[in-house]
Every structure is written in structure tokens, then in C-alpha cells.
Amino acid sequence: MSQLIVACTCQQNKVLERKNKTIFNKVQTMLISENISLFL
């Protein structure tokens, strides 16, 4: 089996970080609205 390796650029990393942060914030907001604490 061959494996495809894709090099990420700094710009792509920043986009992924922003998406991850957005998803995390949405999840955190939902948990807070349900009175569930999120400890990290």
C-alpha cells in the first residue's frame, strides 16, 4: 500500500487551527448551555 504524504504550509496550518478553535468554541458553548463544565 502506498501512503500519500501532503506537506502543509503555514497558511494551511493557520486555517486548520482557526477551524479547530471554532469547533471547540461551539462545543464549549453547547456544553455550557447544558450546564456541563468542560475542564481542559
PDB file of N, CA and C in Angstrom:
ATOM      1  N   MET A   1       0.836  -1.187   0.000  1.00  0.00           N
ATOM      2  CA  MET A   1       0.000   0.000   0.000  1.00  0.00           C
ATOM      3  C   MET A   1       0.879   1.248   0.000  1.00  0.00           C
ATOM      4  N   SER A   2       0.536   2.180  -0.831  1.00  0.00           N
ATOM      5  CA  SER A   2       1.294   3.424  -0.847  1.00  0.00           C
ATOM      6  C   SER A   2       0.628   4.450   0.061  1.00  0.00           C
ATOM      7  N   GLN A   3       1.442   5.305   0.604  1.00  0.00           N
ATOM      8  CA  GLN A   3       0.927   6.327   1.523  1.00  0.00           C
ATOM      9  C   GLN A   3       1.200   7.700   0.932  1.00  0.00           C
ATOM     10  N   LEU A   4       0.165   8.524   0.920  1.00  0.00           N
ATOM     11  CA  LEU A   4       0.296   9.869   0.375  1.00  0.00           C
ATOM     12  C   LEU A   4       0.662  10.819   1.499  1.00  0.00           C
ATOM     13  N   ILE A   5       1.750  11.517   1.337  1.00  0.00           N
ATOM     14  CA  ILE A   5       2.185  12.485   2.345  1.00  0.00           C
ATOM     15  C   ILE A   5       2.027  13.880   1.748  1.00  0.00           C
ATOM     16  N   VAL A   6       1.242  14.695   2.422  1.00  0.00           N
ATOM     17  CA  VAL A   6       0.986  16.046   1.947  1.00  0.00           C
ATOM     18  C   VAL A   6       1.673  17.028   2.892  1.00  0.00           C
ATOM     19  N   ALA A   7       2.498  17.883   2.326  1.00  0.00           N
ATOM     20  CA  ALA A   7       3.170  18.889   3.127  1.00  0.00           C
ATOM     21  C   ALA A   7       2.218  20.047   3.377  1.00  0.00           C
ATOM     22  N   CYS A   8       2.086  20.431   4.640  1.00  0.00           N
ATOM     23  CA  CYS A   8       1.205  21.544   4.989  1.00  0.00           C
ATOM     24  C   CYS A   8       1.999  22.840   5.032  1.00  0.00           C
ATOM     25  N   THR A   9       1.418  23.871   4.502  1.00  0.00           N
ATOM     26  CA  THR A   9       2.051  25.175   4.563  1.00  0.00           C
ATOM     27  C   THR A   9       1.611  25.881   5.845  1.00  0.00           C
ATOM     28  N   CYS A  10       2.279  26.917   6.201  1.00  0.00           N
ATOM     29  CA  CYS A  10       1.918  27.697   7.384  1.00  0.00           C
ATOM     30  C   CYS A  10       0.490  28.227   7.268  1.00  0.00           C
ATOM     31  N   GLN A  11       0.133  28.649   6.078  1.00  0.00           N
ATOM     32  CA  GLN A  11      -1.222  29.182   5.865  1.00  0.00           C
ATOM     33  C   GLN A  11      -2.268  28.108   6.119  1.00  0.00           C
ATOM     34  N   GLN A  12      -2.018  26.892   5.626  1.00  0.00           N
ATOM     35  CA  GLN A  12      -2.957  25.788   5.853  1.00  0.00           C
ATOM     36  C   GLN A  12      -3.058  25.475   7.341  1.00  0.00           C
ATOM     37  N   ASN A  13      -1.927  25.505   8.042  1.00  0.00           N
ATOM     38  CA  ASN A  13      -1.938  25.236   9.477  1.00  0.00           C
ATOM     39  C   ASN A  13      -2.773  26.270  10.216  1.00  0.00           C
ATOM     40  N   LYS A  14      -2.657  27.527   9.827  1.00  0.00           N
ATOM     41  CA  LYS A  14      -3.437  28.587  10.475  1.00  0.00           C
ATOM     42  C   LYS A  14      -4.920  28.397  10.224  1.00  0.00           C
ATOM     43  N   VAL A  15      -5.281  27.973   9.019  1.00  0.00           N
ATOM     44  CA  VAL A  15      -6.688  27.727   8.691  1.00  0.00           C
ATOM     45  C   VAL A  15      -7.215  26.582   9.543  1.00  0.00           C
ATOM     46  N   LEU A  16      -6.437  25.506   9.652  1.00  0.00           N
ATOM     47  CA  LEU A  16      -6.854  24.361  10.461  1.00  0.00           C
ATOM     48  C   LEU A  16      -6.980  24.743  11.929  1.00  0.00           C
ATOM     49  N   GLU A  17      -6.037  25.534  12.433  1.00  0.00           N
ATOM     50  CA  GLU A  17      -6.107  25.977  13.826  1.00  0.00           C
ATOM     51  C   GLU A  17      -7.363  26.797  14.065  1.00  0.00           C
ATOM     52  N   ARG A  18      -7.686  27.666  13.116  1.00  0.00           N
ATOM     53  CA  ARG A  18      -8.877  28.508  13.255  1.00  0.00           C
ATOM     54  C   ARG A  18     -10.145  27.652  13.244  1.00  0.00           C
ATOM     55  N   LYS A  19     -10.193  26.660  12.352  1.00  0.00           N
ATOM     56  CA  LYS A  19     -11.353  25.767  12.293  1.00  0.00           C
ATOM     57  C   LYS A  19     -11.489  24.976  13.591  1.00  0.00           C
ATOM     58  N   ASN A  20     -10.375  24.459  14.093  1.00  0.00           N
ATOM     59  CA  ASN A  20     -10.406  23.690  15.337  1.00  0.00           C
ATOM     60  C   ASN A  20     -10.877  24.558  16.494  1.00  0.00           C
ATOM     61  N   LYS A  21     -10.407  25.799  16.533  1.00  0.00           N
ATOM     62  CA  LYS A  21     -10.806  26.710  17.606  1.00  0.00           C
ATOM     63  C   LYS A  21     -12.296  27.015  17.509  1.00  0.00           C
ATOM     64  N   THR A  22     -12.784  27.204  16.295  1.00  0.00           N
ATOM     65  CA  THR A  22     -14.204  27.478  16.086  1.00  0.00           C
ATOM     66  C   THR A  22     -15.051  26.294  16.548  1.00  0.00           C
ATOM     67  N   ILE A  23     -14.642  25.085  16.173  1.00  0.00           N
ATOM     68  CA  ILE A  23     -15.371  23.886  16.584  1.00  0.00           C
ATOM     69  C   ILE A  23     -15.342  23.757  18.103  1.00  0.00           C
ATOM     70  N   PHE A  24     -14.173  23.965  18.692  1.00  0.00           N
ATOM     71  CA  PHE A  24     -14.051  23.864  20.147  1.00  0.00           C
ATOM     72  C   PHE A  24     -14.967  24.872  20.837  1.00  0.00           C
ATOM     73  N   ASN A  25     -14.996  26.095  20.329  1.00  0.00           N
ATOM     74  CA  ASN A  25     -15.849  27.132  20.932  1.00  0.00           C
ATOM     75  C   ASN A  25     -17.325  26.766  20.824  1.00  0.00           C
ATOM     76  N   LYS A  26     -17.729  26.193  19.711  1.00  0.00           N
ATOM     77  CA  LYS A  26     -19.129  25.773  19.550  1.00  0.00           C
ATOM     78  C   LYS A  26     -19.474  24.668  20.542  1.00  0.00           C
ATOM     79  N   VAL A  27     -18.584  23.687  20.673  1.00  0.00           N
ATOM     80  CA  VAL A  27     -18.820  22.584  21.609  1.00  0.00           C
ATOM     81  C   VAL A  27     -18.877  23.118  23.032  1.00  0.00           C
ATOM     82  N   GLN A  28     -17.953  23.989  23.367  1.00  0.00           N
ATOM     83  CA  GLN A  28     -17.914  24.555  24.712  1.00  0.00           C
ATOM     84  C   GLN A  28     -19.202  25.327  25.010  1.00  0.00           C
ATOM     85  N   THR A  29     -19.680  26.093  24.057  1.00  0.00           N
ATOM     86  CA  THR A  29     -20.915  26.851  24.229  1.00  0.00           C
ATOM     87  C   THR A  29     -22.099  25.917  24.445  1.00  0.00           C
ATOM     88  N   MET A  30     -22.157  24.832  23.667  1.00  0.00           N
ATOM     89  CA  MET A  30     -23.243  23.869  23.837  1.00  0.00           C
ATOM     90  C   MET A  30     -23.182  23.229  25.218  1.00  0.00           C
ATOM     91  N   LEU A  31     -21.985  22.875  25.665  1.00  0.00           N
ATOM     92  CA  LEU A  31     -21.844  22.248  26.981  1.00  0.00           C
ATOM     93  C   LEU A  31     -22.247  23.211  28.092  1.00  0.00           C
ATOM     94  N   ILE A  32     -21.840  24.462  27.962  1.00  0.00           N
ATOM     95  CA  ILE A  32     -22.199  25.465  28.968  1.00  0.00           C
ATOM     96  C   ILE A  32     -23.708  25.654  28.995  1.00  0.00           C
ATOM     97  N   SER A  33     -24.320  25.669  27.839  1.00  0.00           N
ATOM     98  CA  SER A  33     -25.768  25.858  27.780  1.00  0.00           C
ATOM     99  C   SER A  33     -26.510  24.673  28.408  1.00  0.00           C
ATOM    100  N   GLU A  34     -25.854  23.530  28.456  1.00  0.00           N
ATOM    101  CA  GLU A  34     -26.449  22.341  29.078  1.00  0.00           C
ATOM    102  C   GLU A  34     -25.980  22.187  30.527  1.00  0.00           C
ATOM    103  N   ASN A  35     -25.318  23.210  31.055  1.00  0.00           N
ATOM    104  CA  ASN A  35     -24.800  23.192  32.433  1.00  0.00           C
ATOM    105  C   ASN A  35     -23.790  22.067  32.648  1.00  0.00           C
ATOM    106  N   ILE A  36     -22.943  21.842  31.695  1.00  0.00           N
ATOM    107  CA  ILE A  36     -21.881  20.844  31.824  1.00  0.00           C
ATOM    108  C   ILE A  36     -20.555  21.590  31.743  1.00  0.00           C
ATOM    109  N   SER A  37     -19.715  21.366  32.726  1.00  0.00           N
ATOM    110  CA  SER A  37     -18.415  22.037  32.747  1.00  0.00           C
ATOM    111  C   SER A  37     -17.442  21.292  31.862  1.00  0.00           C
ATOM    112  N   LEU A  38     -16.562  22.040  31.223  1.00  0.00           N
ATOM    113  CA  LEU A  38     -15.524  21.455  30.390  1.00  0.00           C
ATOM    114  C   LEU A  38     -14.183  21.832  30.991  1.00  0.00           C
ATOM    115  N   PHE A  39     -13.452  20.841  31.442  1.00  0.00           N
ATOM    116  CA  PHE A  39     -12.144  21.088  32.056  1.00  0.00           C
ATOM    117  C   PHE A  39     -11.057  20.565  31.150  1.00  0.00           C
ATOM    118  N   LEU A  40     -10.163  21.449  30.731  1.00  0.00           N
ATOM    119  CA  LEU A  40      -9.039  21.044  29.902  1.00  0.00           C
ATOM    120  C   LEU A  40      -7.758  21.481  30.560  1.00  0.00           C
TER     121      LEU A  40
END
